[in-house]
Amino acid sequence: MVRSSGVDTSLDAGIPRPLRRWLENYLAQLSVERGLSENTVKAYRRDLTRYLGYLAALGVERPEGVTAEAVQQYEHTLVSGDEAHRPLAPASVARAVVAVRNLHAFALAEGMGENNPTATLAVPKLGRKLPKALAIPEVQALLDGVERETPLGLRDGALLELLYGTGMRVSEAVNLNVDDVTRALADTELGLRVIGKGDKQRLLPLGSYARSALEAYLIRGRPALLEAAAQTKTYKTAPTGRKGTPALFVNIRGARLSRQSAWEVLQTRAAAVGLKQVTPHSLRHSFATHLLDGGADIRVVQELLGHASVTTTQIYTLVTVEQLREVYAASHPRARRTSLTPPS
């Protein structure tokens, strides 16, 4: 069996060694053999560490000792919560249950027992939830509401223009380095290279608004943020030993902007113009929906979003159809009956 390396196992304290080895071997398979991203593997680790902790509390020490009753009771605790955890939303329960089923399928394939205790475990069914896209005037208000006269304003403007202009995930944006962008700015035909889920690369075109915002940030915003950080002695040191960081988006300490900080930037900027419940994924949804509304081919949108299957992208066509239905119902004189008198 393959053991993973360089992984923080502090969360596994109190879990018997055979269960921990089971988890590590499974995570190694996800990372090495299936090529899942680091963030996806971390999510599996969180879900499954909780599960193994639950088994340890029951006195289970080996994978072969897990019963169907124990698994079913664990699913119940996900729904109802316990002393250490709040009840999970249906989508989170479904994700955790799938992780447990996959872990036991791995155990069976590796010869750990003869039966799969999750064979009859049902995954909660989820209703189709359409993504929330902002209207174009709302996106315009959000982007126009960012002042571009301060270093932070230049950074925030560049970040939001990039998220909406390319549809990239916020994790992809904060992981960008300066060199990634300068190459794209220098060669308009090349596009911006990003690394998405499963470490898959794709090229994204840079529109004029995102390009201008990035150039302004690189010239006037980022150097000012790093200089301010240097003066407060919080300037980060690059792996090469020279001062600085390769990160494109930096915080006031001169370090790479985190996903949480990027989320807070959007929340603050959205609240300033009266927009509520806006997330980085809202901009990604808006990017896709507005492209389709403008006549873009769904296969092109799939490539831009980095979806492995066009089925994932097709949910945005449902959004567009729903919008068309709403406009029709509100605008066409024969869309809905306004009188009890039947038509003659």
Protein backbone atom coordinates (compact mmCIF):
# COMPACT_ATOMS: atom_id res chain seq x y z
CA MET A 1 0.00 0.00 0.00
CA VAL A 2 1.08 3.58 -0.66
CA ARG A 3 1.50 5.97 2.22
CA SER A 4 0.89 9.69 1.74
CA SER A 5 3.59 12.09 2.84
CA GLY A 6 3.73 15.68 3.94
CA VAL A 7 0.20 15.56 5.36
CA ASP A 8 -0.79 17.02 8.69
CA THR A 9 -2.11 14.13 10.76
CA SER A 10 -2.77 16.13 13.92
CA LEU A 11 -6.50 15.76 13.37
CA ASP A 12 -6.13 11.96 13.59
CA ALA A 13 -5.14 11.97 17.28
CA GLY A 14 -7.09 9.37 19.26
CA ILE A 15 -7.85 7.22 16.23
CA PRO A 16 -6.42 3.68 16.40
CA ARG A 17 -3.42 3.08 14.19
CA PRO A 18 -5.12 0.57 11.83
CA LEU A 19 -7.88 3.09 11.10
CA ARG A 20 -5.38 5.88 10.56
CA ARG A 21 -3.35 3.67 8.19
CA TRP A 22 -6.57 2.86 6.32
CA LEU A 23 -7.29 6.57 5.90
CA GLU A 24 -3.74 7.45 4.82
CA ASN A 25 -3.66 4.70 2.20
CA TYR A 26 -7.00 5.82 0.80
CA LEU A 27 -5.96 9.48 0.66
CA ALA A 28 -2.75 8.46 -1.09
CA GLN A 29 -4.79 6.66 -3.73
CA LEU A 30 -6.95 9.76 -4.27
CA SER A 31 -3.89 11.97 -4.66
CA VAL A 32 -1.43 9.75 -6.51
CA GLU A 33 -3.53 7.35 -8.54
CA ARG A 34 -6.68 9.40 -9.19
CA GLY A 35 -4.92 12.77 -9.37
CA LEU A 36 -7.40 14.68 -7.21
CA SER A 37 -6.43 18.19 -6.18
CA GLU A 38 -4.91 19.01 -2.81
CA ASN A 39 -8.06 20.85 -1.73
CA THR A 40 -10.27 17.89 -2.62
CA VAL A 41 -8.05 15.50 -0.69
CA LYS A 42 -8.14 17.84 2.31
CA ALA A 43 -11.95 17.84 2.18
CA TYR A 44 -11.95 14.03 2.18
CA ARG A 45 -9.56 14.06 5.13
CA ARG A 46 -11.83 16.33 7.17
CA ASP A 47 -14.95 14.26 6.49
CA LEU A 48 -13.30 10.90 7.05
CA THR A 49 -11.36 11.93 10.15
CA ARG A 50 -14.67 12.78 11.77
CA TYR A 51 -16.03 9.38 10.71
CA LEU A 52 -13.05 7.46 12.05
CA GLY A 53 -13.20 9.44 15.28
CA TYR A 54 -16.82 8.34 15.61
CA LEU A 55 -15.82 4.71 15.05
CA ALA A 56 -13.02 4.99 17.61
CA ALA A 57 -15.51 6.29 20.18
CA LEU A 58 -17.56 3.13 19.58
CA GLY A 59 -14.49 1.00 20.28
CA VAL A 60 -13.89 0.03 16.64
CA GLU A 61 -10.19 -0.44 16.01
CA ARG A 62 -10.00 -1.99 12.54
CA PRO A 63 -11.90 -1.55 9.24
CA GLU A 64 -13.16 -5.12 9.50
CA GLY A 65 -14.97 -4.23 12.73
CA VAL A 66 -17.35 -1.67 11.21
CA THR A 67 -21.00 -2.74 11.11
CA ALA A 68 -23.86 -1.52 8.95
CA GLU A 69 -25.64 -0.30 12.11
CA ALA A 70 -22.65 1.84 13.07
CA VAL A 71 -22.55 3.45 9.63
CA GLN A 72 -26.27 4.16 9.65
CA GLN A 73 -26.02 5.72 13.09
CA TYR A 74 -23.16 7.90 11.89
CA GLU A 75 -25.32 9.21 9.06
CA HIS A 76 -27.96 10.07 11.67
CA THR A 77 -25.42 12.09 13.67
CA LEU A 78 -24.52 14.04 10.52
CA VAL A 79 -28.17 15.04 10.13
CA SER A 80 -28.96 15.70 13.78
CA GLY A 81 -25.57 16.86 15.05
CA ASP A 82 -23.82 15.88 18.27
CA GLU A 83 -21.98 17.51 21.16
CA ALA A 84 -19.03 18.52 18.98
CA HIS A 85 -20.74 19.19 15.64
CA ARG A 86 -23.71 21.11 14.36
CA PRO A 87 -26.23 19.42 12.04
CA LEU A 88 -25.01 19.45 8.45
CA ALA A 89 -26.91 20.76 5.46
CA PRO A 90 -28.28 18.08 3.11
CA ALA A 91 -25.53 18.71 0.54
CA SER A 92 -22.83 18.31 3.21
CA VAL A 93 -24.45 15.12 4.51
CA ALA A 94 -24.53 13.71 0.98
CA ARG A 95 -20.85 14.56 0.47
CA ALA A 96 -19.85 12.94 3.78
CA VAL A 97 -21.88 9.81 3.08
CA VAL A 98 -20.30 9.41 -0.36
CA ALA A 99 -16.85 9.77 1.21
CA VAL A 100 -17.65 7.00 3.72
CA ARG A 101 -19.00 4.71 1.00
CA ASN A 102 -15.90 5.26 -1.13
CA LEU A 103 -13.62 4.58 1.85
CA HIS A 104 -15.30 1.24 2.51
CA ALA A 105 -15.26 0.32 -1.17
CA PHE A 106 -11.50 0.92 -1.06
CA ALA A 107 -11.22 -1.29 2.04
CA LEU A 108 -13.08 -4.11 0.31
CA ALA A 109 -10.87 -3.84 -2.77
CA GLU A 110 -7.78 -4.00 -0.53
CA GLY A 111 -9.01 -7.15 1.21
CA MET A 112 -9.98 -5.52 4.50
CA GLY A 113 -12.99 -7.69 5.28
CA GLU A 114 -15.44 -9.57 3.14
CA ASN A 115 -18.49 -7.30 3.36
CA ASN A 116 -19.18 -3.64 2.70
CA PRO A 117 -21.18 -2.19 5.63
CA THR A 118 -22.25 0.75 3.47
CA ALA A 119 -23.87 -1.41 0.78
CA THR A 120 -27.38 -0.40 1.89
CA LEU A 121 -26.49 3.15 2.92
CA ALA A 122 -28.59 5.61 0.93
CA VAL A 123 -27.15 8.93 -0.20
CA PRO A 124 -29.61 11.77 0.57
CA LYS A 125 -31.30 13.00 -2.58
CA LEU A 126 -30.84 16.67 -3.30
CA GLY A 127 -33.14 18.89 -5.28
CA ARG A 128 -31.64 20.71 -8.23
CA LYS A 129 -30.41 24.08 -7.04
CA LEU A 130 -29.87 26.61 -9.78
CA PRO A 131 -26.92 28.95 -9.31
CA LYS A 132 -27.64 32.57 -8.50
CA ALA A 133 -26.32 34.90 -11.18
CA LEU A 134 -26.11 38.65 -10.81
CA ALA A 135 -27.82 40.85 -13.36
CA ILE A 136 -25.44 42.75 -15.63
CA PRO A 137 -26.32 46.13 -13.98
CA GLU A 138 -25.51 44.58 -10.59
CA VAL A 139 -22.11 43.40 -11.80
CA GLN A 140 -21.52 46.85 -13.30
CA ALA A 141 -22.39 48.50 -9.99
CA LEU A 142 -20.07 46.16 -8.10
CA LEU A 143 -17.09 46.78 -10.37
CA ASP A 144 -17.70 50.52 -10.70
CA GLY A 145 -18.05 50.81 -6.93
CA VAL A 146 -14.39 49.95 -6.31
CA GLU A 147 -12.25 53.06 -6.06
CA ARG A 148 -9.08 52.62 -8.07
CA GLU A 149 -6.98 55.29 -6.36
CA THR A 150 -5.53 53.30 -3.44
CA PRO A 151 -3.31 50.19 -3.48
CA LEU A 152 -6.08 48.10 -1.92
CA GLY A 153 -8.62 49.53 -4.33
CA LEU A 154 -6.40 48.66 -7.28
CA ARG A 155 -5.95 45.14 -5.93
CA ASP A 156 -9.63 44.60 -5.23
CA GLY A 157 -10.63 46.01 -8.60
CA ALA A 158 -8.18 43.73 -10.40
CA LEU A 159 -9.37 40.70 -8.41
CA LEU A 160 -13.06 41.29 -9.13
CA GLU A 161 -12.49 42.14 -12.79
CA LEU A 162 -10.49 38.92 -13.13
CA LEU A 163 -13.10 36.74 -11.42
CA TYR A 164 -15.96 38.07 -13.51
CA GLY A 165 -13.96 38.54 -16.72
CA THR A 166 -12.61 34.97 -16.81
CA GLY A 167 -15.02 32.93 -14.65
CA MET A 168 -12.10 31.37 -12.78
CA ARG A 169 -12.53 29.93 -9.30
CA VAL A 170 -11.37 32.09 -6.41
CA SER A 171 -8.79 29.42 -5.48
CA GLU A 172 -7.37 29.67 -9.00
CA ALA A 173 -7.17 33.47 -8.75
CA VAL A 174 -5.35 33.62 -5.41
CA ASN A 175 -2.90 30.93 -6.56
CA LEU A 176 -1.78 33.00 -9.55
CA ASN A 177 1.76 34.34 -9.60
CA VAL A 178 2.98 37.57 -11.15
CA ASP A 179 4.80 35.69 -13.90
CA ASP A 180 1.55 34.00 -14.95
CA VAL A 181 -0.08 37.35 -15.60
CA THR A 182 2.86 39.22 -17.10
CA ARG A 183 3.22 36.52 -19.76
CA ALA A 184 -0.46 36.84 -20.63
CA LEU A 185 -0.26 40.64 -20.71
CA ALA A 186 2.79 40.54 -22.97
CA ASP A 187 1.23 38.13 -25.46
CA THR A 188 -2.41 38.86 -26.19
CA GLU A 189 -2.70 35.63 -28.19
CA LEU A 190 -1.43 33.41 -25.38
CA GLY A 191 -4.12 33.89 -22.75
CA LEU A 192 -3.85 33.40 -19.01
CA ARG A 193 -2.80 29.92 -17.92
CA VAL A 194 -4.53 28.68 -14.75
CA ILE A 195 -4.40 25.37 -12.89
CA GLY A 196 -7.83 24.08 -11.91
CA LYS A 197 -9.25 21.02 -10.19
CA GLY A 198 -7.20 17.88 -10.59
CA ASP A 199 -4.21 20.06 -11.53
CA LYS A 200 -5.65 20.47 -15.02
CA GLN A 201 -4.42 23.50 -16.94
CA ARG A 202 -6.48 25.71 -19.21
CA LEU A 203 -5.98 29.00 -21.04
CA LEU A 204 -8.36 31.91 -20.43
CA PRO A 205 -8.60 35.02 -22.60
CA LEU A 206 -8.17 38.35 -20.82
CA GLY A 207 -10.72 40.99 -21.70
CA SER A 208 -9.77 44.65 -21.94
CA TYR A 209 -11.27 45.57 -18.55
CA ALA A 210 -9.46 42.79 -16.68
CA ARG A 211 -6.26 43.54 -18.60
CA SER A 212 -6.34 47.25 -17.72
CA ALA A 213 -7.14 46.52 -14.08
CA LEU A 214 -4.28 44.04 -13.78
CA GLU A 215 -1.80 46.39 -15.42
CA ALA A 216 -2.76 49.22 -13.06
CA TYR A 217 -2.49 46.94 -10.05
CA LEU A 218 0.92 45.60 -11.08
CA ILE A 219 2.29 49.08 -11.73
CA ARG A 220 0.80 51.10 -8.87
CA GLY A 221 -0.98 48.78 -6.43
CA ARG A 222 1.11 45.71 -5.72
CA PRO A 223 4.48 47.54 -5.34
CA ALA A 224 2.86 49.95 -2.87
CA LEU A 225 1.42 47.08 -0.80
CA LEU A 226 4.80 45.33 -0.68
CA GLU A 227 6.60 48.55 0.19
CA ALA A 228 4.18 49.24 3.05
CA ALA A 229 4.67 45.67 4.30
CA ALA A 230 8.47 46.09 4.13
CA GLN A 231 8.30 49.24 6.24
CA THR A 232 6.33 47.40 8.93
CA LYS A 233 8.80 44.48 8.85
CA THR A 234 6.15 41.97 7.82
CA TYR A 235 7.51 41.50 4.28
CA LYS A 236 7.56 37.82 3.38
CA THR A 237 10.70 36.14 2.09
CA ALA A 238 10.54 34.14 -1.11
CA PRO A 239 11.90 30.57 -1.18
CA THR A 240 14.90 31.82 -3.14
CA GLY A 241 15.96 33.96 -0.19
CA ARG A 242 15.31 37.29 -1.86
CA LYS A 243 12.69 39.61 -0.46
CA GLY A 244 9.30 39.45 -2.02
CA THR A 245 6.68 36.92 -3.00
CA PRO A 246 5.76 35.51 -6.39
CA ALA A 247 2.05 35.84 -5.53
CA LEU A 248 -0.04 38.09 -7.77
CA PHE A 249 -2.55 39.16 -5.12
CA VAL A 250 -1.01 40.10 -1.78
CA ASN A 251 -2.36 41.35 1.54
CA ILE A 252 -1.13 44.22 3.68
CA ARG A 253 1.53 41.96 5.21
CA GLY A 254 3.04 41.20 1.83
CA ALA A 255 1.83 37.59 1.83
CA ARG A 256 -0.35 35.78 -0.69
CA LEU A 257 -4.02 36.68 -0.40
CA SER A 258 -6.02 33.72 0.97
CA ARG A 259 -9.33 32.43 -0.33
CA GLN A 260 -11.03 33.63 2.85
CA SER A 261 -9.57 37.11 2.43
CA ALA A 262 -10.69 37.21 -1.21
CA TRP A 263 -14.19 36.24 -0.05
CA GLU A 264 -14.11 39.09 2.49
CA VAL A 265 -13.01 41.53 -0.22
CA LEU A 266 -16.04 40.63 -2.31
CA GLN A 267 -18.40 40.79 0.68
CA THR A 268 -17.15 44.25 1.61
CA ARG A 269 -17.30 45.60 -1.93
CA ALA A 270 -20.75 44.12 -2.55
CA ALA A 271 -22.18 45.52 0.68
CA ALA A 272 -20.85 48.96 -0.22
CA VAL A 273 -23.12 49.06 -3.30
CA GLY A 274 -26.11 47.40 -1.66
CA LEU A 275 -25.68 43.86 -2.98
CA LYS A 276 -26.41 40.92 -0.68
CA GLN A 277 -25.44 37.25 -0.68
CA VAL A 278 -22.72 37.70 -3.28
CA THR A 279 -19.91 35.15 -3.28
CA PRO A 280 -16.92 34.57 -5.56
CA HIS A 281 -18.93 31.74 -7.10
CA SER A 282 -21.69 34.26 -7.87
CA LEU A 283 -19.29 35.96 -10.24
CA ARG A 284 -18.41 32.61 -11.82
CA HIS A 285 -22.12 31.85 -12.27
CA SER A 286 -22.68 35.32 -13.72
CA PHE A 287 -19.79 34.88 -16.14
CA ALA A 288 -21.27 31.64 -17.51
CA THR A 289 -24.86 32.85 -17.60
CA HIS A 290 -24.02 36.12 -19.35
CA LEU A 291 -21.94 34.28 -21.95
CA LEU A 292 -24.82 31.93 -22.73
CA ASP A 293 -27.29 34.82 -22.81
CA GLY A 294 -24.99 36.46 -25.33
CA GLY A 295 -25.07 33.43 -27.61
CA ALA A 296 -21.89 31.58 -26.60
CA ASP A 297 -21.73 27.87 -27.40
CA ILE A 298 -22.06 25.69 -24.32
CA ARG A 299 -18.91 23.75 -25.25
CA VAL A 300 -16.93 26.99 -25.21
CA VAL A 301 -18.33 27.88 -21.79
CA GLN A 302 -17.45 24.38 -20.57
CA GLU A 303 -13.85 24.87 -21.63
CA LEU A 304 -13.63 28.31 -20.04
CA LEU A 305 -15.03 27.07 -16.74
CA GLY A 306 -12.80 24.01 -16.71
CA HIS A 307 -15.67 21.54 -16.35
CA ALA A 308 -14.70 17.94 -17.07
CA SER A 309 -18.20 17.19 -18.39
CA VAL A 310 -20.61 19.35 -20.34
CA THR A 311 -23.37 18.00 -18.07
CA THR A 312 -22.05 20.24 -15.29
CA THR A 313 -22.17 23.26 -17.58
CA GLN A 314 -25.71 22.51 -18.73
CA ILE A 315 -27.14 23.72 -15.43
CA TYR A 316 -26.45 27.26 -16.66
CA THR A 317 -28.71 26.68 -19.65
CA LEU A 318 -31.49 25.97 -17.14
CA VAL A 319 -30.80 29.32 -15.52
CA THR A 320 -31.11 31.05 -18.86
CA VAL A 321 -34.36 29.25 -19.70
CA GLU A 322 -35.78 30.23 -16.32
CA GLN A 323 -34.88 33.86 -16.96
CA LEU A 324 -36.55 33.72 -20.35
CA ARG A 325 -39.65 32.23 -18.77
CA GLU A 326 -39.82 35.02 -16.18
CA VAL A 327 -39.43 37.73 -18.82
CA TYR A 328 -42.11 36.12 -20.97
CA ALA A 329 -44.55 35.79 -18.07
CA ALA A 330 -44.07 39.42 -17.09
CA SER A 331 -44.11 40.93 -20.57
CA HIS A 332 -46.37 39.03 -22.95
CA PRO A 333 -50.08 39.97 -22.87
CA ARG A 334 -51.19 36.37 -23.34
CA ALA A 335 -48.64 34.77 -21.01
CA ARG A 336 -51.03 34.46 -18.07
CA ARG A 337 -54.75 34.95 -17.60
CA THR A 338 -55.65 38.11 -15.66
CA SER A 339 -59.40 37.64 -15.72
CA LEU A 340 -61.72 34.83 -14.70
CA THR A 341 -63.63 35.32 -17.98
CA PRO A 342 -62.54 32.61 -20.41
CA PRO A 343 -61.24 33.76 -23.78
CA SER A 344 -63.88 33.93 -26.53
